[in-house]
Amino acid sequence: MDREINVLALVKGEERFIFLFDDQNRDETLRQLARFAANPEVDFSWYDAAMLSRKIRDAVPSDEDIVASKEFDSLSIEDFH
């Protein structure tokens, strides 16, 4: 049984955050990032969660991520005026 496991790590000072995830638990891993960011006892910011979320979505894109990416790719600066 071959199963790809993704490894994502963040080093902040003395702390190490290491996430192991596959396609099946991608969404749970994203939720865990949010739980860490919301916990004031953990040195893990919303910025950290956003950056790691982006990496997870790039590594294991969902159908919604692919659609959103195509929509964002078609935008230009004029669309925001």
PDB file of N, CA and C in Angstrom:
ATOM      1  N   MET A   1       0.836  -1.181   0.000  1.00  0.00           N
ATOM      2  CA  MET A   1       0.000   0.000   0.000  1.00  0.00           C
ATOM      3  C   MET A   1       0.877   1.240   0.000  1.00  0.00           C
ATOM      4  N   ASP A   2       0.886   1.957  -1.116  1.00  0.00           N
ATOM      5  CA  ASP A   2       1.641   3.200  -1.208  1.00  0.00           C
ATOM      6  C   ASP A   2       0.728   4.364  -0.859  1.00  0.00           C
ATOM      7  N   ARG A   3       1.152   5.146   0.095  1.00  0.00           N
ATOM      8  CA  ARG A   3       0.374   6.298   0.511  1.00  0.00           C
ATOM      9  C   ARG A   3       1.338   7.449   0.722  1.00  0.00           C
ATOM     10  N   GLU A   4       1.097   8.556   0.029  1.00  0.00           N
ATOM     11  CA  GLU A   4       1.959   9.718   0.185  1.00  0.00           C
ATOM     12  C   GLU A   4       1.615  10.464   1.458  1.00  0.00           C
ATOM     13  N   ILE A   5       2.625  10.772   2.222  1.00  0.00           N
ATOM     14  CA  ILE A   5       2.475  11.575   3.423  1.00  0.00           C
ATOM     15  C   ILE A   5       3.246  12.871   3.197  1.00  0.00           C
ATOM     16  N   ASN A   6       2.565  13.974   3.384  1.00  0.00           N
ATOM     17  CA  ASN A   6       3.189  15.289   3.281  1.00  0.00           C
ATOM     18  C   ASN A   6       3.706  15.701   4.654  1.00  0.00           C
ATOM     19  N   VAL A   7       4.854  16.362   4.661  1.00  0.00           N
ATOM     20  CA  VAL A   7       5.446  16.853   5.894  1.00  0.00           C
ATOM     21  C   VAL A   7       5.597  18.357   5.761  1.00  0.00           C
ATOM     22  N   LEU A   8       5.074  19.063   6.754  1.00  0.00           N
ATOM     23  CA  LEU A   8       5.154  20.513   6.776  1.00  0.00           C
ATOM     24  C   LEU A   8       5.696  20.905   8.135  1.00  0.00           C
ATOM     25  N   ALA A   9       6.739  21.723   8.162  1.00  0.00           N
ATOM     26  CA  ALA A   9       7.362  22.084   9.437  1.00  0.00           C
ATOM     27  C   ALA A   9       7.547  23.593   9.543  1.00  0.00           C
ATOM     28  N   LEU A  10       7.421  24.073  10.769  1.00  0.00           N
ATOM     29  CA  LEU A  10       7.663  25.481  11.083  1.00  0.00           C
ATOM     30  C   LEU A  10       8.539  25.512  12.324  1.00  0.00           C
ATOM     31  N   VAL A  11       9.631  26.242  12.244  1.00  0.00           N
ATOM     32  CA  VAL A  11      10.529  26.412  13.390  1.00  0.00           C
ATOM     33  C   VAL A  11      10.433  27.866  13.830  1.00  0.00           C
ATOM     34  N   LYS A  12      10.050  28.057  15.095  1.00  0.00           N
ATOM     35  CA  LYS A  12       9.946  29.395  15.680  1.00  0.00           C
ATOM     36  C   LYS A  12      10.760  29.400  16.967  1.00  0.00           C
ATOM     37  N   GLY A  13      11.944  29.968  16.898  1.00  0.00           N
ATOM     38  CA  GLY A  13      12.794  29.972  18.083  1.00  0.00           C
ATOM     39  C   GLY A  13      13.095  28.559  18.517  1.00  0.00           C
ATOM     40  N   GLU A  14      12.735  28.246  19.747  1.00  0.00           N
ATOM     41  CA  GLU A  14      12.970  26.912  20.291  1.00  0.00           C
ATOM     42  C   GLU A  14      11.852  25.931  19.956  1.00  0.00           C
ATOM     43  N   GLU A  15      10.730  26.439  19.436  1.00  0.00           N
ATOM     44  CA  GLU A  15       9.583  25.573  19.161  1.00  0.00           C
ATOM     45  C   GLU A  15       9.628  25.015  17.746  1.00  0.00           C
ATOM     46  N   ARG A  16       9.103  23.799  17.618  1.00  0.00           N
ATOM     47  CA  ARG A  16       9.006  23.126  16.319  1.00  0.00           C
ATOM     48  C   ARG A  16       7.566  22.669  16.139  1.00  0.00           C
ATOM     49  N   PHE A  17       6.987  23.018  15.017  1.00  0.00           N
ATOM     50  CA  PHE A  17       5.648  22.553  14.670  1.00  0.00           C
ATOM     51  C   PHE A  17       5.793  21.677  13.436  1.00  0.00           C
ATOM     52  N   ILE A  18       5.429  20.428  13.542  1.00  0.00           N
ATOM     53  CA  ILE A  18       5.566  19.482  12.440  1.00  0.00           C
ATOM     54  C   ILE A  18       4.205  18.852  12.181  1.00  0.00           C
ATOM     55  N   PHE A  19       3.754  18.962  10.943  1.00  0.00           N
ATOM     56  CA  PHE A  19       2.456  18.431  10.548  1.00  0.00           C
ATOM     57  C   PHE A  19       2.664  17.354   9.500  1.00  0.00           C
ATOM     58  N   LEU A  20       2.059  16.209   9.713  1.00  0.00           N
ATOM     59  CA  LEU A  20       2.050  15.121   8.746  1.00  0.00           C
ATOM     60  C   LEU A  20       0.615  14.965   8.274  1.00  0.00           C
ATOM     61  N   PHE A  21       0.411  14.961   6.970  1.00  0.00           N
ATOM     62  CA  PHE A  21      -0.956  14.846   6.466  1.00  0.00           C
ATOM     63  C   PHE A  21      -0.951  14.196   5.090  1.00  0.00           C
ATOM     64  N   ASP A  22      -2.089  13.612   4.748  1.00  0.00           N
ATOM     65  CA  ASP A  22      -2.281  13.051   3.415  1.00  0.00           C
ATOM     66  C   ASP A  22      -3.538  13.668   2.821  1.00  0.00           C
ATOM     67  N   ASP A  23      -3.929  13.207   1.655  1.00  0.00           N
ATOM     68  CA  ASP A  23      -5.104  13.778   0.989  1.00  0.00           C
ATOM     69  C   ASP A  23      -6.363  13.660   1.847  1.00  0.00           C
ATOM     70  N   GLN A  24      -6.480  12.569   2.585  1.00  0.00           N
ATOM     71  CA  GLN A  24      -7.694  12.323   3.359  1.00  0.00           C
ATOM     72  C   GLN A  24      -7.818  13.227   4.584  1.00  0.00           C
ATOM     73  N   ASN A  25      -6.710  13.624   5.193  1.00  0.00           N
ATOM     74  CA  ASN A  25      -6.830  14.451   6.394  1.00  0.00           C
ATOM     75  C   ASN A  25      -6.351  15.888   6.183  1.00  0.00           C
ATOM     76  N   ARG A  26      -6.336  16.323   4.943  1.00  0.00           N
ATOM     77  CA  ARG A  26      -5.942  17.694   4.600  1.00  0.00           C
ATOM     78  C   ARG A  26      -6.794  18.727   5.323  1.00  0.00           C
ATOM     79  N   ASP A  27      -8.119  18.580   5.261  1.00  0.00           N
ATOM     80  CA  ASP A  27      -9.009  19.567   5.863  1.00  0.00           C
ATOM     81  C   ASP A  27      -8.879  19.584   7.383  1.00  0.00           C
ATOM     82  N   GLU A  28      -8.685  18.440   7.984  1.00  0.00           N
ATOM     83  CA  GLU A  28      -8.487  18.398   9.441  1.00  0.00           C
ATOM     84  C   GLU A  28      -7.178  19.095   9.813  1.00  0.00           C
ATOM     85  N   THR A  29      -6.162  18.959   8.998  1.00  0.00           N
ATOM     86  CA  THR A  29      -4.902  19.643   9.255  1.00  0.00           C
ATOM     87  C   THR A  29      -5.093  21.154   9.168  1.00  0.00           C
ATOM     88  N   LEU A  30      -5.857  21.618   8.189  1.00  0.00           N
ATOM     89  CA  LEU A  30      -6.153  23.051   8.086  1.00  0.00           C
ATOM     90  C   LEU A  30      -6.895  23.541   9.332  1.00  0.00           C
ATOM     91  N   ARG A  31      -7.844  22.764   9.819  1.00  0.00           N
ATOM     92  CA  ARG A  31      -8.566  23.145  11.039  1.00  0.00           C
ATOM     93  C   ARG A  31      -7.623  23.179  12.247  1.00  0.00           C
ATOM     94  N   GLN A  32      -6.673  22.265  12.283  1.00  0.00           N
ATOM     95  CA  GLN A  32      -5.720  22.245  13.400  1.00  0.00           C
ATOM     96  C   GLN A  32      -4.853  23.501  13.393  1.00  0.00           C
ATOM     97  N   LEU A  33      -4.474  23.968  12.232  1.00  0.00           N
ATOM     98  CA  LEU A  33      -3.714  25.224  12.157  1.00  0.00           C
ATOM     99  C   LEU A  33      -4.507  26.365  12.788  1.00  0.00           C
ATOM    100  N   ALA A  34      -5.795  26.427  12.492  1.00  0.00           N
ATOM    101  CA  ALA A  34      -6.647  27.470  13.058  1.00  0.00           C
ATOM    102  C   ALA A  34      -6.761  27.314  14.578  1.00  0.00           C
ATOM    103  N   ARG A  35      -6.871  26.095  15.055  1.00  0.00           N
ATOM    104  CA  ARG A  35      -6.954  25.878  16.511  1.00  0.00           C
ATOM    105  C   ARG A  35      -5.674  26.339  17.197  1.00  0.00           C
ATOM    106  N   PHE A  36      -4.528  26.048  16.596  1.00  0.00           N
ATOM    107  CA  PHE A  36      -3.262  26.512  17.177  1.00  0.00           C
ATOM    108  C   PHE A  36      -3.211  28.036  17.195  1.00  0.00           C
ATOM    109  N   ALA A  37      -3.603  28.677  16.099  1.00  0.00           N
ATOM    110  CA  ALA A  37      -3.548  30.131  16.014  1.00  0.00           C
ATOM    111  C   ALA A  37      -4.491  30.789  17.030  1.00  0.00           C
ATOM    112  N   ALA A  38      -5.617  30.163  17.298  1.00  0.00           N
ATOM    113  CA  ALA A  38      -6.599  30.721  18.236  1.00  0.00           C
ATOM    114  C   ALA A  38      -6.227  30.484  19.700  1.00  0.00           C
ATOM    115  N   ASN A  39      -5.264  29.638  19.943  1.00  0.00           N
ATOM    116  CA  ASN A  39      -4.875  29.291  21.307  1.00  0.00           C
ATOM    117  C   ASN A  39      -3.773  30.241  21.789  1.00  0.00           C
ATOM    118  N   PRO A  40      -4.066  31.111  22.771  1.00  0.00           N
ATOM    119  CA  PRO A  40      -3.057  32.066  23.243  1.00  0.00           C
ATOM    120  C   PRO A  40      -1.880  31.410  23.960  1.00  0.00           C
ATOM    121  N   GLU A  41      -2.026  30.151  24.337  1.00  0.00           N
ATOM    122  CA  GLU A  41      -0.936  29.451  25.018  1.00  0.00           C
ATOM    123  C   GLU A  41       0.077  28.850  24.053  1.00  0.00           C
ATOM    124  N   VAL A  42      -0.215  28.914  22.765  1.00  0.00           N
ATOM    125  CA  VAL A  42       0.677  28.353  21.746  1.00  0.00           C
ATOM    126  C   VAL A  42       1.275  29.515  20.948  1.00  0.00           C
ATOM    127  N   ASP A  43       2.579  29.496  20.760  1.00  0.00           N
ATOM    128  CA  ASP A  43       3.255  30.551  19.999  1.00  0.00           C
ATOM    129  C   ASP A  43       3.113  30.260  18.500  1.00  0.00           C
ATOM    130  N   PHE A  44       1.878  30.401  18.024  1.00  0.00           N
ATOM    131  CA  PHE A  44       1.548  30.097  16.636  1.00  0.00           C
ATOM    132  C   PHE A  44       0.525  31.141  16.205  1.00  0.00           C
ATOM    133  N   SER A  45       0.933  32.037  15.312  1.00  0.00           N
ATOM    134  CA  SER A  45       0.101  33.183  14.951  1.00  0.00           C
ATOM    135  C   SER A  45      -0.841  32.860  13.789  1.00  0.00           C
ATOM    136  N   TRP A  46      -1.774  33.784  13.564  1.00  0.00           N
ATOM    137  CA  TRP A  46      -2.661  33.649  12.406  1.00  0.00           C
ATOM    138  C   TRP A  46      -1.851  33.759  11.116  1.00  0.00           C
ATOM    139  N   TYR A  47      -0.777  34.533  11.136  1.00  0.00           N
ATOM    140  CA  TYR A  47       0.107  34.606   9.970  1.00  0.00           C
ATOM    141  C   TYR A  47       0.729  33.237   9.697  1.00  0.00           C
ATOM    142  N   ASP A  48       1.200  32.581  10.758  1.00  0.00           N
ATOM    143  CA  ASP A  48       1.766  31.232  10.605  1.00  0.00           C
ATOM    144  C   ASP A  48       0.725  30.298   9.990  1.00  0.00           C
ATOM    145  N   ALA A  49      -0.499  30.366  10.516  1.00  0.00           N
ATOM    146  CA  ALA A  49      -1.580  29.510  10.009  1.00  0.00           C
ATOM    147  C   ALA A  49      -1.862  29.800   8.540  1.00  0.00           C
ATOM    148  N   ALA A  50      -1.877  31.074   8.169  1.00  0.00           N
ATOM    149  CA  ALA A  50      -2.152  31.442   6.771  1.00  0.00           C
ATOM    150  C   ALA A  50      -1.061  30.937   5.834  1.00  0.00           C
ATOM    151  N   MET A  51       0.186  31.109   6.231  1.00  0.00           N
ATOM    152  CA  MET A  51       1.294  30.672   5.376  1.00  0.00           C
ATOM    153  C   MET A  51       1.315  29.147   5.226  1.00  0.00           C
ATOM    154  N   LEU A  52       1.109  28.434   6.313  1.00  0.00           N
ATOM    155  CA  LEU A  52       1.113  26.977   6.230  1.00  0.00           C
ATOM    156  C   LEU A  52      -0.132  26.460   5.505  1.00  0.00           C
ATOM    157  N   SER A  53      -1.253  27.141   5.677  1.00  0.00           N
ATOM    158  CA  SER A  53      -2.470  26.763   4.938  1.00  0.00           C
ATOM    159  C   SER A  53      -2.240  26.857   3.440  1.00  0.00           C
ATOM    160  N   ARG A  54      -1.571  27.915   3.016  1.00  0.00           N
ATOM    161  CA  ARG A  54      -1.277  28.095   1.591  1.00  0.00           C
ATOM    162  C   ARG A  54      -0.432  26.931   1.090  1.00  0.00           C
ATOM    163  N   LYS A  55       0.567  26.538   1.877  1.00  0.00           N
ATOM    164  CA  LYS A  55       1.437  25.422   1.475  1.00  0.00           C
ATOM    165  C   LYS A  55       0.647  24.114   1.381  1.00  0.00           C
ATOM    166  N   ILE A  56      -0.271  23.898   2.323  1.00  0.00           N
ATOM    167  CA  ILE A  56      -1.090  22.689   2.285  1.00  0.00           C
ATOM    168  C   ILE A  56      -1.985  22.707   1.053  1.00  0.00           C
ATOM    169  N   ARG A  57      -2.609  23.844   0.779  1.00  0.00           N
ATOM    170  CA  ARG A  57      -3.496  23.937  -0.386  1.00  0.00           C
ATOM    171  C   ARG A  57      -2.728  23.776  -1.696  1.00  0.00           C
ATOM    172  N   ASP A  58      -1.494  24.233  -1.728  1.00  0.00           N
ATOM    173  CA  ASP A  58      -0.664  24.037  -2.923  1.00  0.00           C
ATOM    174  C   ASP A  58      -0.274  22.566  -3.082  1.00  0.00           C
ATOM    175  N   ALA A  59       0.011  21.905  -1.970  1.00  0.00           N
ATOM    176  CA  ALA A  59       0.451  20.508  -2.013  1.00  0.00           C
ATOM    177  C   ALA A  59      -0.696  19.562  -2.329  1.00  0.00           C
ATOM    178  N   VAL A  60      -1.883  19.843  -1.762  1.00  0.00           N
ATOM    179  CA  VAL A  60      -3.040  18.964  -1.932  1.00  0.00           C
ATOM    180  C   VAL A  60      -4.256  19.846  -2.246  1.00  0.00           C
ATOM    181  N   PRO A  61      -4.359  20.321  -3.480  1.00  0.00           N
ATOM    182  CA  PRO A  61      -5.487  21.205  -3.806  1.00  0.00           C
ATOM    183  C   PRO A  61      -6.808  20.439  -3.870  1.00  0.00           C
ATOM    184  N   SER A  62      -7.841  21.089  -3.372  1.00  0.00           N
ATOM    185  CA  SER A  62      -9.193  20.527  -3.490  1.00  0.00           C
ATOM    186  C   SER A  62      -9.806  21.067  -4.780  1.00  0.00           C
ATOM    187  N   ASP A  63     -10.947  20.531  -5.156  1.00  0.00           N
ATOM    188  CA  ASP A  63     -11.634  21.035  -6.351  1.00  0.00           C
ATOM    189  C   ASP A  63     -11.952  22.522  -6.209  1.00  0.00           C
ATOM    190  N   GLU A  64     -12.371  22.939  -4.996  1.00  0.00           N
ATOM    191  CA  GLU A  64     -12.693  24.345  -4.756  1.00  0.00           C
ATOM    192  C   GLU A  64     -11.457  25.232  -4.891  1.00  0.00           C
ATOM    193  N   ASP A  65     -10.303  24.742  -4.430  1.00  0.00           N
ATOM    194  CA  ASP A  65      -9.065  25.510  -4.557  1.00  0.00           C
ATOM    195  C   ASP A  65      -8.709  25.733  -6.023  1.00  0.00           C
ATOM    196  N   ILE A  66      -8.900  24.712  -6.838  1.00  0.00           N
ATOM    197  CA  ILE A  66      -8.567  24.814  -8.264  1.00  0.00           C
ATOM    198  C   ILE A  66      -9.469  25.829  -8.944  1.00  0.00           C
ATOM    199  N   VAL A  67     -10.770  25.796  -8.649  1.00  0.00           N
ATOM    200  CA  VAL A  67     -11.714  26.758  -9.232  1.00  0.00           C
ATOM    201  C   VAL A  67     -11.357  28.172  -8.785  1.00  0.00           C
ATOM    202  N   ALA A  68     -11.108  28.358  -7.492  1.00  0.00           N
ATOM    203  CA  ALA A  68     -10.767  29.686  -6.969  1.00  0.00           C
ATOM    204  C   ALA A  68      -9.479  30.199  -7.591  1.00  0.00           C
ATOM    205  N   SER A  69      -8.501  29.330  -7.744  1.00  0.00           N
ATOM    206  CA  SER A  69      -7.228  29.733  -8.333  1.00  0.00           C
ATOM    207  C   SER A  69      -7.412  30.232  -9.762  1.00  0.00           C
ATOM    208  N   LYS A  70      -8.229  29.537 -10.533  1.00  0.00           N
ATOM    209  CA  LYS A  70      -8.493  29.959 -11.911  1.00  0.00           C
ATOM    210  C   LYS A  70      -9.202  31.305 -11.933  1.00  0.00           C
ATOM    211  N   GLU A  71     -10.146  31.502 -11.003  1.00  0.00           N
ATOM    212  CA  GLU A  71     -10.854  32.780 -10.944  1.00  0.00           C
ATOM    213  C   GLU A  71      -9.913  33.913 -10.557  1.00  0.00           C
ATOM    214  N   PHE A  72      -9.048  33.677  -9.578  1.00  0.00           N
ATOM    215  CA  PHE A  72      -8.109  34.711  -9.158  1.00  0.00           C
ATOM    216  C   PHE A  72      -7.076  35.004 -10.238  1.00  0.00           C
ATOM    217  N   ASP A  73      -6.665  33.995 -10.981  1.00  0.00           N
ATOM    218  CA  ASP A  73      -5.689  34.190 -12.045  1.00  0.00           C
ATOM    219  C   ASP A  73      -6.221  35.101 -13.142  1.00  0.00           C
ATOM    220  N   SER A  74      -7.543  35.123 -13.304  1.00  0.00           N
ATOM    221  CA  SER A  74      -8.114  35.944 -14.370  1.00  0.00           C
ATOM    222  C   SER A  74      -8.325  37.397 -13.940  1.00  0.00           C
ATOM    223  N   LEU A  75      -8.094  37.705 -12.673  1.00  0.00           N
ATOM    224  CA  LEU A  75      -8.283  39.077 -12.191  1.00  0.00           C
ATOM    225  C   LEU A  75      -7.101  39.957 -12.545  1.00  0.00           C
ATOM    226  N   SER A  76      -7.388  41.216 -12.731  1.00  0.00           N
ATOM    227  CA  SER A  76      -6.313  42.201 -12.919  1.00  0.00           C
ATOM    228  C   SER A  76      -6.542  43.340 -11.940  1.00  0.00           C
ATOM    229  N   ILE A  77      -5.631  44.245 -11.857  1.00  0.00           N
ATOM    230  CA  ILE A  77      -5.718  45.363 -10.934  1.00  0.00           C
ATOM    231  C   ILE A  77      -6.939  46.215 -11.237  1.00  0.00           C
ATOM    232  N   GLU A  78      -7.342  46.282 -12.495  1.00  0.00           N
ATOM    233  CA  GLU A  78      -8.514  47.071 -12.871  1.00  0.00           C
ATOM    234  C   GLU A  78      -9.796  46.526 -12.252  1.00  0.00           C
ATOM    235  N   ASP A  79      -9.837  45.248 -11.945  1.00  0.00           N
ATOM    236  CA  ASP A  79     -11.027  44.647 -11.341  1.00  0.00           C
ATOM    237  C   ASP A  79     -11.288  45.183  -9.935  1.00  0.00           C
ATOM    238  N   PHE A  80     -10.299  45.840  -9.332  1.00  0.00           N
ATOM    239  CA  PHE A  80     -10.432  46.321  -7.954  1.00  0.00           C
ATOM    240  C   PHE A  80     -10.673  47.818  -7.870  1.00  0.00           C
ATOM    241  N   HIS A  81     -10.874  48.481  -8.992  1.00  0.00           N
ATOM    242  CA  HIS A  81     -11.135  49.937  -8.991  1.00  0.00           C
ATOM    243  C   HIS A  81     -12.598  50.203  -9.115  1.00  0.00           C
TER     244      HIS A  81
END
